[in-house]
């Protein structure tokens, strides 16, 4: 089929994955780095505040019982699982951060840049606790202090990771690659 004289629309001649243009890629990398640094800073500062203001054991009710500030130190992963695998979790976090940085080199979509920036901030926020908090390097306990009813206590880094996961799923369902190009399935139906 031809749209115009000499212009083929067949799958055989469909363009392959494109690399983002220089300007778009630059904006995406800037967004990625800015989000990663800002979210990481918010996580670190909020944990410093929590440790200095909540260590006395008194909870702070922000919105009744809906949001309570309650300090806990988590040696494990999500929902305090895997407490005996703190060193392994720390090593996995280092590997995950390196993978995110590697993938960010190809980012050409603003939504992907936002997702990867949040993901890196969340990984590094909790990794920082594991590296520098008691009881020692690679064994450190993660500071959690945000408590909702019927939900484990969490922190800003955890929120960043969850929002990043949601954004990555949105991009996957939309059929958008990290480069901003459509996936092969989306290209065939367009």
Protein backbone atom coordinates (compact mmCIF):
# COMPACT_ATOMS: atom_id res chain seq x y z
CA UNK A 1 0.00 0.00 0.00
CA UNK A 2 1.24 3.50 -0.73
CA UNK A 3 0.15 6.73 0.92
CA UNK A 4 1.59 8.85 -1.83
CA UNK A 5 3.45 8.09 -4.97
CA UNK A 6 6.67 6.26 -4.11
CA UNK A 7 5.99 6.21 -0.37
CA UNK A 8 5.65 2.72 1.10
CA UNK A 9 3.79 1.99 4.29
CA UNK A 10 4.70 -1.69 4.46
CA UNK A 11 6.22 -3.16 7.62
CA UNK A 12 9.37 -4.07 5.71
CA UNK A 13 10.23 -0.42 5.24
CA UNK A 14 8.97 0.88 8.56
CA UNK A 15 11.66 2.85 10.37
CA UNK A 16 13.55 1.09 13.13
CA UNK A 17 13.91 2.35 16.67
CA UNK A 18 15.07 5.91 16.59
CA UNK A 19 17.58 7.59 18.83
CA UNK A 20 16.32 10.76 20.43
CA UNK A 21 17.42 14.04 18.87
CA UNK A 22 20.14 15.99 20.63
CA UNK A 23 17.86 18.68 22.05
CA UNK A 24 15.16 16.24 23.20
CA UNK A 25 17.75 13.91 24.68
CA UNK A 26 19.37 16.82 26.51
CA UNK A 27 16.02 17.88 28.02
CA UNK A 28 15.32 14.30 29.06
CA UNK A 29 18.74 13.85 30.67
CA UNK A 30 18.34 17.16 32.49
CA UNK A 31 14.92 16.11 33.78
CA UNK A 32 16.27 12.70 34.80
CA UNK A 33 19.19 14.22 36.73
CA UNK A 34 17.10 17.01 38.27
CA UNK A 35 14.38 14.66 39.48
CA UNK A 36 16.94 12.16 40.81
CA UNK A 37 18.88 14.80 42.76
CA UNK A 38 15.78 16.64 44.07
CA UNK A 39 13.91 13.50 45.16
CA UNK A 40 17.06 12.05 46.74
CA UNK A 41 17.58 15.29 48.68
CA UNK A 42 13.96 15.30 49.88
CA UNK A 43 14.34 11.69 51.04
CA UNK A 44 17.59 12.37 52.91
CA UNK A 45 16.32 15.57 54.53
CA UNK A 46 13.03 13.97 55.56
CA UNK A 47 14.89 11.05 57.17
CA UNK A 48 17.22 13.44 59.02
CA UNK A 49 14.17 15.32 60.28
CA UNK A 50 12.43 12.09 61.30
CA UNK A 51 15.43 10.81 63.26
CA UNK A 52 15.93 14.14 65.05
CA UNK A 53 12.23 14.75 65.87
CA UNK A 54 10.70 11.30 66.27
CA UNK A 55 13.44 9.37 68.13
CA UNK A 56 11.75 10.02 71.47
CA UNK A 57 9.06 7.50 70.52
CA UNK A 58 6.20 9.97 70.28
CA UNK A 59 4.09 9.79 67.13
CA UNK A 60 2.94 12.91 65.32
CA UNK A 61 -0.58 12.80 63.94
CA UNK A 62 -0.61 14.80 60.72
CA UNK A 63 -4.12 13.94 59.53
CA UNK A 64 -5.80 12.15 62.43
CA UNK A 65 -5.20 8.41 62.07
CA UNK A 66 -4.91 8.68 58.28
CA UNK A 67 -1.28 9.90 58.29
CA UNK A 68 0.92 9.46 61.34
CA UNK A 69 4.65 10.08 61.60
CA UNK A 70 6.09 7.05 63.41
CA UNK A 71 9.83 6.29 63.34
CA UNK A 72 10.96 2.74 62.61
CA UNK A 73 14.25 1.25 61.48
CA UNK A 74 13.79 -1.45 58.85
CA UNK A 75 16.61 -3.99 58.36
CA UNK A 76 14.77 -5.78 55.54
CA UNK A 77 13.04 -5.06 52.26
CA UNK A 78 9.45 -4.04 51.62
CA UNK A 79 7.09 -4.92 54.49
CA UNK A 80 10.20 -5.78 56.60
CA UNK A 81 10.72 -9.03 54.69
CA UNK A 82 14.15 -10.55 54.20
CA UNK A 83 15.71 -9.07 57.32
CA UNK A 84 18.44 -11.70 57.20
CA UNK A 85 19.42 -10.66 53.65
CA UNK A 86 20.44 -7.05 54.29
CA UNK A 87 23.85 -7.43 52.61
CA UNK A 88 22.28 -9.06 49.55
CA UNK A 89 19.65 -6.31 49.38
CA UNK A 90 22.41 -3.69 49.54
CA UNK A 91 24.33 -5.35 46.69
CA UNK A 92 21.15 -5.64 44.60
CA UNK A 93 20.47 -1.94 45.19
CA UNK A 94 23.96 -1.03 43.93
CA UNK A 95 23.37 -3.15 40.81
CA UNK A 96 19.91 -1.63 40.28
CA UNK A 97 21.29 1.92 40.55
CA UNK A 98 23.97 1.12 37.97
CA UNK A 99 21.36 -0.34 35.60
CA UNK A 100 19.19 2.77 35.93
CA UNK A 101 22.16 5.05 35.19
CA UNK A 102 23.06 2.89 32.18
CA UNK A 103 19.49 3.00 30.85
CA UNK A 104 19.27 6.75 31.35
CA UNK A 105 21.86 7.22 28.59
CA UNK A 106 19.16 6.22 26.07
CA UNK A 107 16.27 8.22 27.53
CA UNK A 108 14.34 10.20 24.93
CA UNK A 109 10.93 10.45 26.57
CA UNK A 110 10.12 12.94 29.32
CA UNK A 111 7.89 10.43 31.11
CA UNK A 112 10.66 7.81 31.03
CA UNK A 113 13.12 10.45 32.30
CA UNK A 114 10.78 11.24 35.20
CA UNK A 115 10.30 7.54 35.99
CA UNK A 116 14.02 6.71 35.88
CA UNK A 117 14.91 9.79 37.96
CA UNK A 118 12.42 8.81 40.66
CA UNK A 119 13.60 5.21 40.55
CA UNK A 120 17.24 6.20 40.96
CA UNK A 121 16.39 8.56 43.83
CA UNK A 122 14.41 5.86 45.62
CA UNK A 123 17.07 3.20 45.18
CA UNK A 124 19.86 5.54 46.30
CA UNK A 125 17.84 6.92 49.22
CA UNK A 126 17.36 3.50 50.80
CA UNK A 127 20.86 2.39 49.77
CA UNK A 128 22.35 5.37 51.60
CA UNK A 129 20.67 4.17 54.79
CA UNK A 130 21.98 0.63 54.25
CA UNK A 131 25.52 1.94 53.74
CA UNK A 132 25.76 4.61 56.44
CA UNK A 133 23.32 3.81 59.24
CA UNK A 134 23.65 1.47 62.22
CA UNK A 135 24.56 -1.31 62.66
CA UNK A 136 27.15 -0.79 59.90
CA UNK A 137 27.97 -0.68 56.18
CA UNK A 138 25.76 -2.93 54.03
CA UNK A 139 23.81 -3.85 57.20
CA UNK A 140 22.26 -0.44 57.91
CA UNK A 141 18.61 -0.13 58.76
CA UNK A 142 16.38 1.99 56.50
CA UNK A 143 14.57 4.87 58.20
CA UNK A 144 10.80 4.65 57.72
CA UNK A 145 8.42 7.17 59.28
CA UNK A 146 5.23 7.60 57.22
CA UNK A 147 2.37 5.46 58.53
CA UNK A 148 -1.04 4.93 56.95
CA UNK A 149 -3.77 2.73 58.43
CA UNK A 150 -3.36 -0.97 57.63
CA UNK A 151 -0.12 -0.39 55.70
CA UNK A 152 3.55 -0.83 56.63
CA UNK A 153 5.53 2.25 57.60
CA UNK A 154 7.42 3.71 54.61
CA UNK A 155 9.54 6.69 53.50
CA UNK A 156 9.96 9.13 50.60
CA UNK A 157 12.33 6.76 48.77
CA UNK A 158 9.66 4.05 48.85
CA UNK A 159 7.15 6.51 47.37
CA UNK A 160 9.61 7.38 44.60
CA UNK A 161 10.09 3.71 43.72
CA UNK A 162 6.34 3.06 43.61
CA UNK A 163 5.55 6.12 41.48
CA UNK A 164 8.42 5.15 39.15
CA UNK A 165 7.02 1.63 38.81
CA UNK A 166 3.59 3.05 37.94
CA UNK A 167 5.08 5.39 35.31
CA UNK A 168 7.11 2.56 33.79
CA UNK A 169 3.95 0.45 33.53
CA UNK A 170 2.13 3.36 31.88
CA UNK A 171 4.88 3.68 29.29
CA UNK A 172 4.93 -0.06 28.71
CA UNK A 173 1.16 -0.17 28.17
CA UNK A 174 1.39 2.86 25.89
CA UNK A 175 4.07 1.05 23.91
CA UNK A 176 6.74 3.72 24.35
CA UNK A 177 10.39 2.69 24.57
CA UNK A 178 12.94 4.49 26.73
CA UNK A 179 14.16 6.27 23.60
CA UNK A 180 10.66 7.64 23.06
CA UNK A 181 10.13 5.49 19.95
CA UNK A 182 7.06 3.29 19.70
CA UNK A 183 7.45 -0.45 20.21
CA UNK A 184 7.21 -2.67 17.12
CA UNK A 185 3.62 -3.67 17.99
CA UNK A 186 2.50 -0.05 18.19
CA UNK A 187 4.25 0.81 14.92
CA UNK A 188 2.41 -1.99 13.07
CA UNK A 189 -1.03 -0.82 14.22
CA UNK A 190 -0.41 2.87 13.56
